[in-house]
PDB file of N, CA and C in Angstrom:
ATOM      1  N   MET A   1     -27.211 -26.840  20.894  1.00  0.00           N
ATOM      2  CA  MET A   1     -26.359 -25.991  20.076  1.00  0.00           C
ATOM      3  C   MET A   1     -25.112 -25.558  20.856  1.00  0.00           C
ATOM      4  N   ILE A   2     -25.328 -25.017  22.049  1.00  0.00           N
ATOM      5  CA  ILE A   2     -24.201 -24.563  22.862  1.00  0.00           C
ATOM      6  C   ILE A   2     -23.358 -25.753  23.300  1.00  0.00           C
ATOM      7  N   ASP A   3     -24.038 -26.886  23.606  1.00  0.00           N
ATOM      8  CA  ASP A   3     -23.285 -28.074  24.004  1.00  0.00           C
ATOM      9  C   ASP A   3     -22.361 -28.547  22.892  1.00  0.00           C
ATOM     10  N   SER A   4     -22.848 -28.498  21.652  1.00  0.00           N
ATOM     11  CA  SER A   4     -22.002 -28.946  20.538  1.00  0.00           C
ATOM     12  C   SER A   4     -20.819 -27.987  20.336  1.00  0.00           C
ATOM     13  N   ILE A   5     -21.058 -26.691  20.498  1.00  0.00           N
ATOM     14  CA  ILE A   5     -19.966 -25.719  20.371  1.00  0.00           C
ATOM     15  C   ILE A   5     -18.938 -25.930  21.477  1.00  0.00           C
ATOM     16  N   LEU A   6     -19.414 -26.130  22.714  1.00  0.00           N
ATOM     17  CA  LEU A   6     -18.492 -26.376  23.823  1.00  0.00           C
ATOM     18  C   LEU A   6     -17.725 -27.675  23.619  1.00  0.00           C
ATOM     19  N   HIS A   7     -18.400 -28.685  23.081  1.00  0.00           N
ATOM     20  CA  HIS A   7     -17.731 -29.959  22.810  1.00  0.00           C
ATOM     21  C   HIS A   7     -16.624 -29.773  21.763  1.00  0.00           C
ATOM     22  N   ILE A   8     -16.904 -28.995  20.721  1.00  0.00           N
ATOM     23  CA  ILE A   8     -15.905 -28.737  19.677  1.00  0.00           C
ATOM     24  C   ILE A   8     -14.723 -27.963  20.257  1.00  0.00           C
ATOM     25  N   LEU A   9     -15.014 -26.937  21.068  1.00  0.00           N
ATOM     26  CA  LEU A   9     -13.932 -26.167  21.690  1.00  0.00           C
ATOM     27  C   LEU A   9     -13.099 -27.037  22.628  1.00  0.00           C
ATOM     28  N   ASP A  10     -13.762 -27.951  23.357  1.00  0.00           N
ATOM     29  CA  ASP A  10     -13.050 -28.860  24.245  1.00  0.00           C
ATOM     30  C   ASP A  10     -12.132 -29.782  23.451  1.00  0.00           C
ATOM     31  N   LYS A  11     -12.612 -30.284  22.319  1.00  0.00           N
ATOM     32  CA  LYS A  11     -11.786 -31.143  21.471  1.00  0.00           C
ATOM     33  C   LYS A  11     -10.581 -30.370  20.915  1.00  0.00           C
ATOM     34  N   ILE A  12     -10.820 -29.121  20.523  1.00  0.00           N
ATOM     35  CA  ILE A  12      -9.716 -28.300  20.011  1.00  0.00           C
ATOM     36  C   ILE A  12      -8.678 -28.080  21.105  1.00  0.00           C
ATOM     37  N   TRP A  13      -9.142 -27.743  22.318  1.00  0.00           N
ATOM     38  CA  TRP A  13      -8.209 -27.522  23.415  1.00  0.00           C
ATOM     39  C   TRP A  13      -7.450 -28.799  23.759  1.00  0.00           C
ATOM     40  N   ASP A  14      -8.143 -29.944  23.750  1.00  0.00           N
ATOM     41  CA  ASP A  14      -7.470 -31.217  24.020  1.00  0.00           C
ATOM     42  C   ASP A  14      -6.392 -31.494  22.975  1.00  0.00           C
ATOM     43  N   GLY A  15      -6.684 -31.180  21.721  1.00  0.00           N
ATOM     44  CA  GLY A  15      -5.695 -31.388  20.661  1.00  0.00           C
ATOM     45  C   GLY A  15      -4.483 -30.495  20.842  1.00  0.00           C
ATOM     46  N   ILE A  16      -4.720 -29.235  21.179  1.00  0.00           N
ATOM     47  CA  ILE A  16      -3.605 -28.302  21.395  1.00  0.00           C
ATOM     48  C   ILE A  16      -2.770 -28.739  22.597  1.00  0.00           C
ATOM     49  N   TYR A  17      -3.443 -29.135  23.675  1.00  0.00           N
ATOM     50  CA  TYR A  17      -2.728 -29.559  24.878  1.00  0.00           C
ATOM     51  C   TYR A  17      -1.919 -30.827  24.614  1.00  0.00           C
ATOM     52  N   ALA A  18      -2.514 -31.767  23.887  1.00  0.00           N
ATOM     53  CA  ALA A  18      -1.794 -33.000  23.560  1.00  0.00           C
ATOM     54  C   ALA A  18      -0.598 -32.700  22.668  1.00  0.00           C
ATOM     55  N   TRP A  19      -0.759 -31.795  21.741  1.00  0.00           N
ATOM     56  CA  TRP A  19       0.346 -31.442  20.840  1.00  0.00           C
ATOM     57  C   TRP A  19       1.487 -30.782  21.618  1.00  0.00           C
ATOM     58  N   LEU A  20       1.126 -29.935  22.603  1.00  0.00           N
ATOM     59  CA  LEU A  20       2.156 -29.247  23.374  1.00  0.00           C
ATOM     60  C   LEU A  20       2.886 -30.171  24.342  1.00  0.00           C
ATOM     61  N   THR A  21       2.207 -31.174  24.867  1.00  0.00           N
ATOM     62  CA  THR A  21       2.812 -31.960  25.944  1.00  0.00           C
ATOM     63  C   THR A  21       3.500 -33.229  25.477  1.00  0.00           C
ATOM     64  N   ASP A  22       3.271 -33.697  24.261  1.00  0.00           N
ATOM     65  CA  ASP A  22       3.981 -34.909  23.844  1.00  0.00           C
ATOM     66  C   ASP A  22       5.337 -34.536  23.256  1.00  0.00           C
ATOM     67  N   GLY A  23       6.311 -35.391  23.425  1.00  0.00           N
ATOM     68  CA  GLY A  23       7.640 -35.123  22.885  1.00  0.00           C
ATOM     69  C   GLY A  23       8.364 -34.083  23.719  1.00  0.00           C
ATOM     70  N   LYS A  24       8.933 -33.091  23.032  1.00  0.00           N
ATOM     71  CA  LYS A  24       9.692 -32.045  23.705  1.00  0.00           C
ATOM     72  C   LYS A  24       8.903 -30.743  23.618  1.00  0.00           C
ATOM     73  N   PRO A  25       8.153 -30.432  24.655  1.00  0.00           N
ATOM     74  CA  PRO A  25       7.271 -29.260  24.578  1.00  0.00           C
ATOM     75  C   PRO A  25       8.009 -27.931  24.508  1.00  0.00           C
ATOM     76  N   ILE A  26       9.256 -27.884  24.994  1.00  0.00           N
ATOM     77  CA  ILE A  26       9.954 -26.596  24.976  1.00  0.00           C
ATOM     78  C   ILE A  26      10.189 -26.131  23.549  1.00  0.00           C
ATOM     79  N   ARG A  27      10.421 -27.067  22.635  1.00  0.00           N
ATOM     80  CA  ARG A  27      10.595 -26.687  21.237  1.00  0.00           C
ATOM     81  C   ARG A  27       9.312 -26.099  20.666  1.00  0.00           C
ATOM     82  N   LYS A  28       8.204 -26.705  21.037  1.00  0.00           N
ATOM     83  CA  LYS A  28       6.929 -26.212  20.521  1.00  0.00           C
ATOM     84  C   LYS A  28       6.590 -24.847  21.114  1.00  0.00           C
ATOM     85  N   ILE A  29       6.893 -24.686  22.385  1.00  0.00           N
ATOM     86  CA  ILE A  29       6.626 -23.396  23.021  1.00  0.00           C
ATOM     87  C   ILE A  29       7.522 -22.326  22.407  1.00  0.00           C
ATOM     88  N   ARG A  30       8.801 -22.682  22.182  1.00  0.00           N
ATOM     89  CA  ARG A  30       9.698 -21.743  21.518  1.00  0.00           C
ATOM     90  C   ARG A  30       9.218 -21.416  20.111  1.00  0.00           C
ATOM     91  N   GLY A  31       8.737 -22.433  19.408  1.00  0.00           N
ATOM     92  CA  GLY A  31       8.225 -22.209  18.059  1.00  0.00           C
ATOM     93  C   GLY A  31       7.010 -21.301  18.058  1.00  0.00           C
ATOM     94  N   LEU A  32       6.097 -21.532  19.005  1.00  0.00           N
ATOM     95  CA  LEU A  32       4.916 -20.670  19.099  1.00  0.00           C
ATOM     96  C   LEU A  32       5.313 -19.246  19.475  1.00  0.00           C
ATOM     97  N   ALA A  33       6.262 -19.120  20.399  1.00  0.00           N
ATOM     98  CA  ALA A  33       6.711 -17.776  20.779  1.00  0.00           C
ATOM     99  C   ALA A  33       7.343 -17.075  19.583  1.00  0.00           C
ATOM    100  N   GLY A  34       8.152 -17.797  18.816  1.00  0.00           N
ATOM    101  CA  GLY A  34       8.749 -17.210  17.622  1.00  0.00           C
ATOM    102  C   GLY A  34       7.702 -16.818  16.596  1.00  0.00           C
ATOM    103  N   PHE A  35       6.684 -17.659  16.453  1.00  0.00           N
ATOM    104  CA  PHE A  35       5.601 -17.358  15.509  1.00  0.00           C
ATOM    105  C   PHE A  35       4.878 -16.077  15.915  1.00  0.00           C
ATOM    106  N   PHE A  36       4.552 -15.956  17.200  1.00  0.00           N
ATOM    107  CA  PHE A  36       3.853 -14.756  17.659  1.00  0.00           C
ATOM    108  C   PHE A  36       4.753 -13.517  17.574  1.00  0.00           C
ATOM    109  N   MET A  37       6.042 -13.689  17.812  1.00  0.00           N
ATOM    110  CA  MET A  37       6.960 -12.557  17.656  1.00  0.00           C
ATOM    111  C   MET A  37       7.038 -12.120  16.199  1.00  0.00           C
ATOM    112  N   MET A  38       7.045 -13.096  15.288  1.00  0.00           N
ATOM    113  CA  MET A  38       7.078 -12.757  13.868  1.00  0.00           C
ATOM    114  C   MET A  38       5.822 -11.983  13.475  1.00  0.00           C
ATOM    115  N   ILE A  39       4.670 -12.428  13.955  1.00  0.00           N
ATOM    116  CA  ILE A  39       3.421 -11.712  13.664  1.00  0.00           C
ATOM    117  C   ILE A  39       3.472 -10.305  14.249  1.00  0.00           C
ATOM    118  N   ALA A  40       4.009 -10.174  15.473  1.00  0.00           N
ATOM    119  CA  ALA A  40       4.100  -8.843  16.093  1.00  0.00           C
ATOM    120  C   ALA A  40       5.024  -7.924  15.303  1.00  0.00           C
ATOM    121  N   PHE A  41       6.151  -8.442  14.819  1.00  0.00           N
ATOM    122  CA  PHE A  41       7.055  -7.616  14.011  1.00  0.00           C
ATOM    123  C   PHE A  41       6.404  -7.196  12.707  1.00  0.00           C
ATOM    124  N   TRP A  42       5.751  -8.138  12.030  1.00  0.00           N
ATOM    125  CA  TRP A  42       5.077  -7.787  10.774  1.00  0.00           C
ATOM    126  C   TRP A  42       4.006  -6.740  11.018  1.00  0.00           C
ATOM    127  N   ARG A  43       3.270  -6.900  12.102  1.00  0.00           N
ATOM    128  CA  ARG A  43       2.230  -5.925  12.434  1.00  0.00           C
ATOM    129  C   ARG A  43       2.858  -4.552  12.711  1.00  0.00           C
ATOM    130  N   TYR A  44       3.963  -4.526  13.431  1.00  0.00           N
ATOM    131  CA  TYR A  44       4.648  -3.265  13.721  1.00  0.00           C
ATOM    132  C   TYR A  44       5.097  -2.586  12.425  1.00  0.00           C
ATOM    133  N   PHE A  45       5.717  -3.351  11.540  1.00  0.00           N
ATOM    134  CA  PHE A  45       6.181  -2.770  10.279  1.00  0.00           C
ATOM    135  C   PHE A  45       5.012  -2.308   9.421  1.00  0.00           C
ATOM    136  N   TYR A  46       3.915  -3.058   9.413  1.00  0.00           N
ATOM    137  CA  TYR A  46       2.736  -2.674   8.627  1.00  0.00           C
ATOM    138  C   TYR A  46       2.158  -1.357   9.144  1.00  0.00           C
ATOM    139  N   VAL A  47       1.993  -1.256  10.461  1.00  0.00           N
ATOM    140  CA  VAL A  47       1.423  -0.042  11.048  1.00  0.00           C
ATOM    141  C   VAL A  47       2.358   1.146  10.837  1.00  0.00           C
ATOM    142  N   SER A  48       3.666   0.938  11.009  1.00  0.00           N
ATOM    143  CA  SER A  48       4.590   2.059  10.812  1.00  0.00           C
ATOM    144  C   SER A  48       4.614   2.491   9.352  1.00  0.00           C
ATOM    145  N   HIS A  49       4.477   1.551   8.421  1.00  0.00           N
ATOM    146  CA  HIS A  49       4.423   1.903   6.996  1.00  0.00           C
ATOM    147  C   HIS A  49       3.166   2.716   6.700  1.00  0.00           C
ATOM    148  N   LYS A  50       2.036   2.289   7.245  1.00  0.00           N
ATOM    149  CA  LYS A  50       0.786   3.026   7.026  1.00  0.00           C
ATOM    150  C   LYS A  50       0.873   4.437   7.610  1.00  0.00           C
ATOM    151  N   ARG A  51       1.464   4.553   8.797  1.00  0.00           N
ATOM    152  CA  ARG A  51       1.598   5.879   9.413  1.00  0.00           C
ATOM    153  C   ARG A  51       2.509   6.778   8.586  1.00  0.00           C
ATOM    154  N   ALA A  52       3.594   6.223   8.065  1.00  0.00           N
ATOM    155  CA  ALA A  52       4.510   7.017   7.242  1.00  0.00           C
ATOM    156  C   ALA A  52       3.819   7.471   5.963  1.00  0.00           C
ATOM    157  N   LYS A  53       3.019   6.587   5.357  1.00  0.00           N
ATOM    158  CA  LYS A  53       2.286   6.980   4.155  1.00  0.00           C
ATOM    159  C   LYS A  53       1.301   8.095   4.467  1.00  0.00           C
ATOM    160  N   LEU A  54       0.626   7.994   5.599  1.00  0.00           N
ATOM    161  CA  LEU A  54      -0.338   9.019   5.982  1.00  0.00           C
ATOM    162  C   LEU A  54       0.367  10.348   6.237  1.00  0.00           C
ATOM    163  N   ARG A  55       1.528  10.302   6.934  1.00  0.00           N
ATOM    164  CA  ARG A  55       2.286  11.533   7.175  1.00  0.00           C
ATOM    165  C   ARG A  55       2.731  12.164   5.865  1.00  0.00           C
ATOM    166  N   THR A  56       3.207  11.345   4.929  1.00  0.00           N
ATOM    167  CA  THR A  56       3.663  11.861   3.642  1.00  0.00           C
ATOM    168  C   THR A  56       2.510  12.478   2.877  1.00  0.00           C
ATOM    169  N   LYS A  57       1.364  11.797   2.888  1.00  0.00           N
ATOM    170  CA  LYS A  57       0.197  12.314   2.172  1.00  0.00           C
ATOM    171  C   LYS A  57      -0.246  13.649   2.764  1.00  0.00           C
ATOM    172  N   GLU A  58      -0.298  13.728   4.088  1.00  0.00           N
ATOM    173  CA  GLU A  58      -0.692  14.985   4.729  1.00  0.00           C
ATOM    174  C   GLU A  58       0.315  16.092   4.415  1.00  0.00           C
ATOM    175  N   HIS A  59       1.606  15.747   4.406  1.00  0.00           N
ATOM    176  CA  HIS A  59       2.640  16.740   4.105  1.00  0.00           C
ATOM    177  C   HIS A  59       2.497  17.235   2.671  1.00  0.00           C
ATOM    178  N   GLU A  60       2.242  16.320   1.721  1.00  0.00           N
ATOM    179  CA  GLU A  60       2.087  16.726   0.323  1.00  0.00           C
ATOM    180  C   GLU A  60       0.855  17.610   0.137  1.00  0.00           C
ATOM    181  N   GLU A  61      -0.247  17.246   0.794  1.00  0.00           N
ATOM    182  CA  GLU A  61      -1.453  18.067   0.684  1.00  0.00           C
ATOM    183  C   GLU A  61      -1.217  19.462   1.256  1.00  0.00           C
ATOM    184  N   LYS A  62      -0.518  19.532   2.386  1.00  0.00           N
ATOM    185  CA  LYS A  62      -0.230  20.835   2.988  1.00  0.00           C
ATOM    186  C   LYS A  62       0.698  21.652   2.091  1.00  0.00           C
ATOM    187  N   MET A  63       1.682  20.975   1.467  1.00  0.00           N
ATOM    188  CA  MET A  63       2.605  21.666   0.585  1.00  0.00           C
ATOM    189  C   MET A  63       1.873  22.210  -0.651  1.00  0.00           C
ATOM    190  N   ILE A  64       0.935  21.438  -1.187  1.00  0.00           N
ATOM    191  CA  ILE A  64       0.158  21.909  -2.336  1.00  0.00           C
ATOM    192  C   ILE A  64      -0.681  23.117  -1.939  1.00  0.00           C
ATOM    193  N   GLU A  65      -1.307  23.054  -0.766  1.00  0.00           N
ATOM    194  CA  GLU A  65      -2.122  24.181  -0.312  1.00  0.00           C
ATOM    195  C   GLU A  65      -1.266  25.421  -0.062  1.00  0.00           C
ATOM    196  N   ASP A  66      -0.035  25.224   0.423  1.00  0.00           N
ATOM    197  CA  ASP A  66       0.848  26.368   0.658  1.00  0.00           C
ATOM    198  C   ASP A  66       1.390  26.944  -0.646  1.00  0.00           C
ATOM    199  N   THR A  67       1.630  26.089  -1.636  1.00  0.00           N
ATOM    200  CA  THR A  67       2.251  26.528  -2.887  1.00  0.00           C
ATOM    201  C   THR A  67       1.250  27.172  -3.830  1.00  0.00           C
ATOM    202  N   TYR A  68       0.101  26.557  -3.981  1.00  0.00           N
ATOM    203  CA  TYR A  68      -0.884  27.027  -4.955  1.00  0.00           C
ATOM    204  C   TYR A  68      -2.093  27.624  -4.251  1.00  0.00           C
ATOM    205  N   GLU A  69      -2.724  28.556  -4.923  1.00  0.00           N
ATOM    206  CA  GLU A  69      -3.935  29.159  -4.387  1.00  0.00           C
ATOM    207  C   GLU A  69      -5.122  28.753  -5.246  1.00  0.00           C
ATOM    208  N   LYS A  70      -6.248  28.602  -4.608  1.00  0.00           N
ATOM    209  CA  LYS A  70      -7.469  28.304  -5.349  1.00  0.00           C
ATOM    210  C   LYS A  70      -8.042  29.607  -5.893  1.00  0.00           C
ATOM    211  N   ASN A  71      -8.720  29.499  -7.025  1.00  0.00           N
ATOM    212  CA  ASN A  71      -9.349  30.699  -7.582  1.00  0.00           C
ATOM    213  C   ASN A  71     -10.701  30.932  -6.904  1.00  0.00           C
ATOM    214  N   GLU A  72     -11.473  31.880  -7.427  1.00  0.00           N
ATOM    215  CA  GLU A  72     -12.747  32.215  -6.775  1.00  0.00           C
ATOM    216  C   GLU A  72     -13.766  31.082  -6.851  1.00  0.00           C
ATOM    217  N   ASP A  73     -13.574  30.150  -7.793  1.00  0.00           N
ATOM    218  CA  ASP A  73     -14.483  28.998  -7.881  1.00  0.00           C
ATOM    219  C   ASP A  73     -14.051  27.853  -6.970  1.00  0.00           C
ATOM    220  N   GLY A  74     -12.932  27.990  -6.290  1.00  0.00           N
ATOM    221  CA  GLY A  74     -12.449  26.943  -5.395  1.00  0.00           C
ATOM    222  C   GLY A  74     -11.670  25.852  -6.103  1.00  0.00           C
ATOM    223  N   LEU A  75     -11.071  26.177  -7.275  1.00  0.00           N
ATOM    224  CA  LEU A  75     -10.323  25.191  -8.044  1.00  0.00           C
ATOM    225  C   LEU A  75      -8.846  25.566  -8.099  1.00  0.00           C
ATOM    226  N   TYR A  76      -7.991  24.544  -8.108  1.00  0.00           N
ATOM    227  CA  TYR A  76      -6.563  24.763  -8.299  1.00  0.00           C
ATOM    228  C   TYR A  76      -6.301  25.054  -9.772  1.00  0.00           C
ATOM    229  N   PRO A  77      -5.120  25.594 -10.120  1.00  0.00           N
ATOM    230  CA  PRO A  77      -4.853  25.949 -11.522  1.00  0.00           C
ATOM    231  C   PRO A  77      -4.960  24.768 -12.485  1.00  0.00           C
ATOM    232  N   TRP A  78      -4.564  23.584 -12.069  1.00  0.00           N
ATOM    233  CA  TRP A  78      -4.626  22.439 -12.985  1.00  0.00           C
ATOM    234  C   TRP A  78      -6.040  21.873 -13.104  1.00  0.00           C
ATOM    235  N   GLU A  79      -6.955  22.299 -12.229  1.00  0.00           N
ATOM    236  CA  GLU A  79      -8.332  21.831 -12.311  1.00  0.00           C
ATOM    237  C   GLU A  79      -9.203  22.738 -13.166  1.00  0.00           C
ATOM    238  N   VAL A  80      -8.720  23.916 -13.501  1.00  0.00           N
ATOM    239  CA  VAL A  80      -9.536  24.889 -14.224  1.00  0.00           C
ATOM    240  C   VAL A  80      -9.752  24.449 -15.662  1.00  0.00           C
ATOM    241  N   ASP A  81      -8.675  24.127 -16.353  1.00  0.00           N
ATOM    242  CA  ASP A  81      -8.759  23.809 -17.775  1.00  0.00           C
ATOM    243  C   ASP A  81      -8.682  22.297 -17.960  1.00  0.00           C
ATOM    244  N   THR A  82      -9.833  21.643 -18.020  1.00  0.00           N
ATOM    245  CA  THR A  82      -9.856  20.187 -18.172  1.00  0.00           C
ATOM    246  C   THR A  82     -10.463  19.755 -19.493  1.00  0.00           C
ATOM    247  N   ASP A  83     -10.555  20.653 -20.450  1.00  0.00           N
ATOM    248  CA  ASP A  83     -11.115  20.311 -21.755  1.00  0.00           C
ATOM    249  C   ASP A  83     -10.046  19.594 -22.579  1.00  0.00           C
ATOM    250  N   ILE A  84     -10.259  18.323 -22.873  1.00  0.00           N
ATOM    251  CA  ILE A  84      -9.288  17.551 -23.647  1.00  0.00           C
ATOM    252  C   ILE A  84      -9.875  17.128 -24.995  1.00  0.00           C
ATOM    253  N   SER A  85     -10.817  17.887 -25.489  1.00  0.00           N
ATOM    254  CA  SER A  85     -11.459  17.522 -26.753  1.00  0.00           C
ATOM    255  C   SER A  85     -10.495  17.726 -27.921  1.00  0.00           C
ATOM    256  N   PRO A  86     -10.677  16.989 -29.021  1.00  0.00           N
ATOM    257  CA  PRO A  86      -9.793  17.135 -30.186  1.00  0.00           C
ATOM    258  C   PRO A  86      -9.894  18.510 -30.840  1.00  0.00           C
ATOM    259  N   LYS A  87     -10.941  19.255 -30.576  1.00  0.00           N
ATOM    260  CA  LYS A  87     -11.088  20.591 -31.170  1.00  0.00           C
ATOM    261  C   LYS A  87     -10.008  21.555 -30.679  1.00  0.00           C
ATOM    262  N   ARG A  88      -9.401  21.274 -29.538  1.00  0.00           N
ATOM    263  CA  ARG A  88      -8.380  22.162 -28.984  1.00  0.00           C
ATOM    264  C   ARG A  88      -7.040  22.024 -29.687  1.00  0.00           C
ATOM    265  N   ILE A  89      -6.814  20.931 -30.416  1.00  0.00           N
ATOM    266  CA  ILE A  89      -5.538  20.736 -31.103  1.00  0.00           C
ATOM    267  C   ILE A  89      -5.539  21.578 -32.365  1.00  0.00           C
ATOM    268  N   SER A  90      -4.508  22.383 -32.510  1.00  0.00           N
ATOM    269  CA  SER A  90      -4.455  23.263 -33.686  1.00  0.00           C
ATOM    270  C   SER A  90      -4.183  22.440 -34.945  1.00  0.00           C
ATOM    271  N   LYS A  91      -4.561  22.985 -36.084  1.00  0.00           N
ATOM    272  CA  LYS A  91      -4.426  22.268 -37.356  1.00  0.00           C
ATOM    273  C   LYS A  91      -2.963  22.119 -37.782  1.00  0.00           C
ATOM    274  N   ASP A  92      -2.100  23.034 -37.361  1.00  0.00           N
ATOM    275  CA  ASP A  92      -0.702  22.951 -37.770  1.00  0.00           C
ATOM    276  C   ASP A  92       0.176  22.229 -36.734  1.00  0.00           C
ATOM    277  N   ALA A  93      -0.435  21.539 -35.771  1.00  0.00           N
ATOM    278  CA  ALA A  93       0.328  20.814 -34.757  1.00  0.00           C
ATOM    279  C   ALA A  93       0.936  19.554 -35.371  1.00  0.00           C
ATOM    280  N   GLU A  94       2.182  19.239 -34.956  1.00  0.00           N
ATOM    281  CA  GLU A  94       2.852  18.050 -35.471  1.00  0.00           C
ATOM    282  C   GLU A  94       2.541  16.858 -34.581  1.00  0.00           C
ATOM    283  N   ALA A  95       2.364  15.709 -35.217  1.00  0.00           N
ATOM    284  CA  ALA A  95       2.144  14.477 -34.461  1.00  0.00           C
ATOM    285  C   ALA A  95       3.485  13.943 -33.976  1.00  0.00           C
ATOM    286  N   PHE A  96       3.525  13.451 -32.768  1.00  0.00           N
ATOM    287  CA  PHE A  96       4.740  12.867 -32.221  1.00  0.00           C
ATOM    288  C   PHE A  96       4.809  11.426 -32.698  1.00  0.00           C
ATOM    289  N   ARG A  97       5.748  11.130 -33.605  1.00  0.00           N
ATOM    290  CA  ARG A  97       5.775   9.826 -34.245  1.00  0.00           C
ATOM    291  C   ARG A  97       6.882   8.918 -33.711  1.00  0.00           C
ATOM    292  N   ASP A  98       8.030   9.459 -33.436  1.00  0.00           N
ATOM    293  CA  ASP A  98       9.209   8.643 -33.193  1.00  0.00           C
ATOM    294  C   ASP A  98       9.314   8.262 -31.714  1.00  0.00           C
ATOM    295  N   LYS A  99       8.398   7.432 -31.233  1.00  0.00           N
ATOM    296  CA  LYS A  99       8.364   7.118 -29.811  1.00  0.00           C
ATOM    297  C   LYS A  99       9.504   6.197 -29.394  1.00  0.00           C
ATOM    298  N   GLU A 100       9.916   5.257 -30.259  1.00  0.00           N
ATOM    299  CA  GLU A 100      10.979   4.325 -29.870  1.00  0.00           C
ATOM    300  C   GLU A 100      12.309   5.039 -29.696  1.00  0.00           C
ATOM    301  N   ASN A 101      12.605   5.991 -30.559  1.00  0.00           N
ATOM    302  CA  ASN A 101      13.897   6.664 -30.518  1.00  0.00           C
ATOM    303  C   ASN A 101      13.911   7.874 -29.588  1.00  0.00           C
ATOM    304  N   ALA A 102      12.812   8.157 -28.936  1.00  0.00           N
ATOM    305  CA  ALA A 102      12.767   9.306 -28.042  1.00  0.00           C
ATOM    306  C   ALA A 102      13.357   8.972 -26.685  1.00  0.00           C
ATOM    307  N   ARG A 103      13.393   7.699 -26.332  1.00  0.00           N
ATOM    308  CA  ARG A 103      13.925   7.284 -25.042  1.00  0.00           C
ATOM    309  C   ARG A 103      15.383   6.873 -25.172  1.00  0.00           C
ATOM    310  N   PRO A 104      16.131   6.887 -24.077  1.00  0.00           N
ATOM    311  CA  PRO A 104      17.517   6.446 -24.156  1.00  0.00           C
ATOM    312  C   PRO A 104      17.600   4.955 -24.473  1.00  0.00           C
ATOM    313  N   SER A 105      18.580   4.599 -25.271  1.00  0.00           N
ATOM    314  CA  SER A 105      18.803   3.206 -25.613  1.00  0.00           C
ATOM    315  C   SER A 105      20.088   2.742 -24.943  1.00  0.00           C
ATOM    316  N   ARG A 106      20.002   1.763 -24.074  1.00  0.00           N
ATOM    317  CA  ARG A 106      21.146   1.219 -23.329  1.00  0.00           C
ATOM    318  C   ARG A 106      21.898   2.301 -22.560  1.00  0.00           C
ATOM    319  N   GLY A 107      21.173   3.234 -22.002  1.00  0.00           N
ATOM    320  CA  GLY A 107      21.785   4.241 -21.146  1.00  0.00           C
ATOM    321  C   GLY A 107      22.313   5.461 -21.858  1.00  0.00           C
ATOM    322  N   ARG A 108      22.211   5.544 -23.177  1.00  0.00           N
ATOM    323  CA  ARG A 108      22.715   6.712 -23.906  1.00  0.00           C
ATOM    324  C   ARG A 108      21.592   7.353 -24.693  1.00  0.00           C
ATOM    325  N   TRP A 109      21.623   8.665 -24.767  1.00  0.00           N
ATOM    326  CA  TRP A 109      20.647   9.374 -25.580  1.00  0.00           C
ATOM    327  C   TRP A 109      21.082   9.325 -27.040  1.00  0.00           C
ATOM    328  N   LYS A 110      20.128   9.093 -27.901  1.00  0.00           N
ATOM    329  CA  LYS A 110      20.444   9.118 -29.335  1.00  0.00           C
ATOM    330  C   LYS A 110      20.503  10.557 -29.801  1.00  0.00           C
ATOM    331  N   THR A 111      21.406  10.826 -30.728  1.00  0.00           N
ATOM    332  CA  THR A 111      21.534  12.189 -31.244  1.00  0.00           C
ATOM    333  C   THR A 111      21.077  12.255 -32.678  1.00  0.00           C
TER     334      THR A 111
END
């Protein structure tokens, strides 16, 4: 088992070495260096994006905690009233019908 794995790794290394040494190896080395630099840049941007998202999320959570207070049950004001049953709608409430004309059309509000 180990012999077959070592044989496969040896074949892979021989292939890589042969690929690097035939022709003009400096181009291949430059290409590999560029490839690894590209991966490093993408990794840097990915990590910095994740860190910025985490900082923003922490800042927003802190701002919410500073702005709003929890009640005695430990709930924020928007968490207290979560009943969305149809019984809460009053009988004289108007239905919102004109959805197409409520938005601006080609950058102008309709009057």
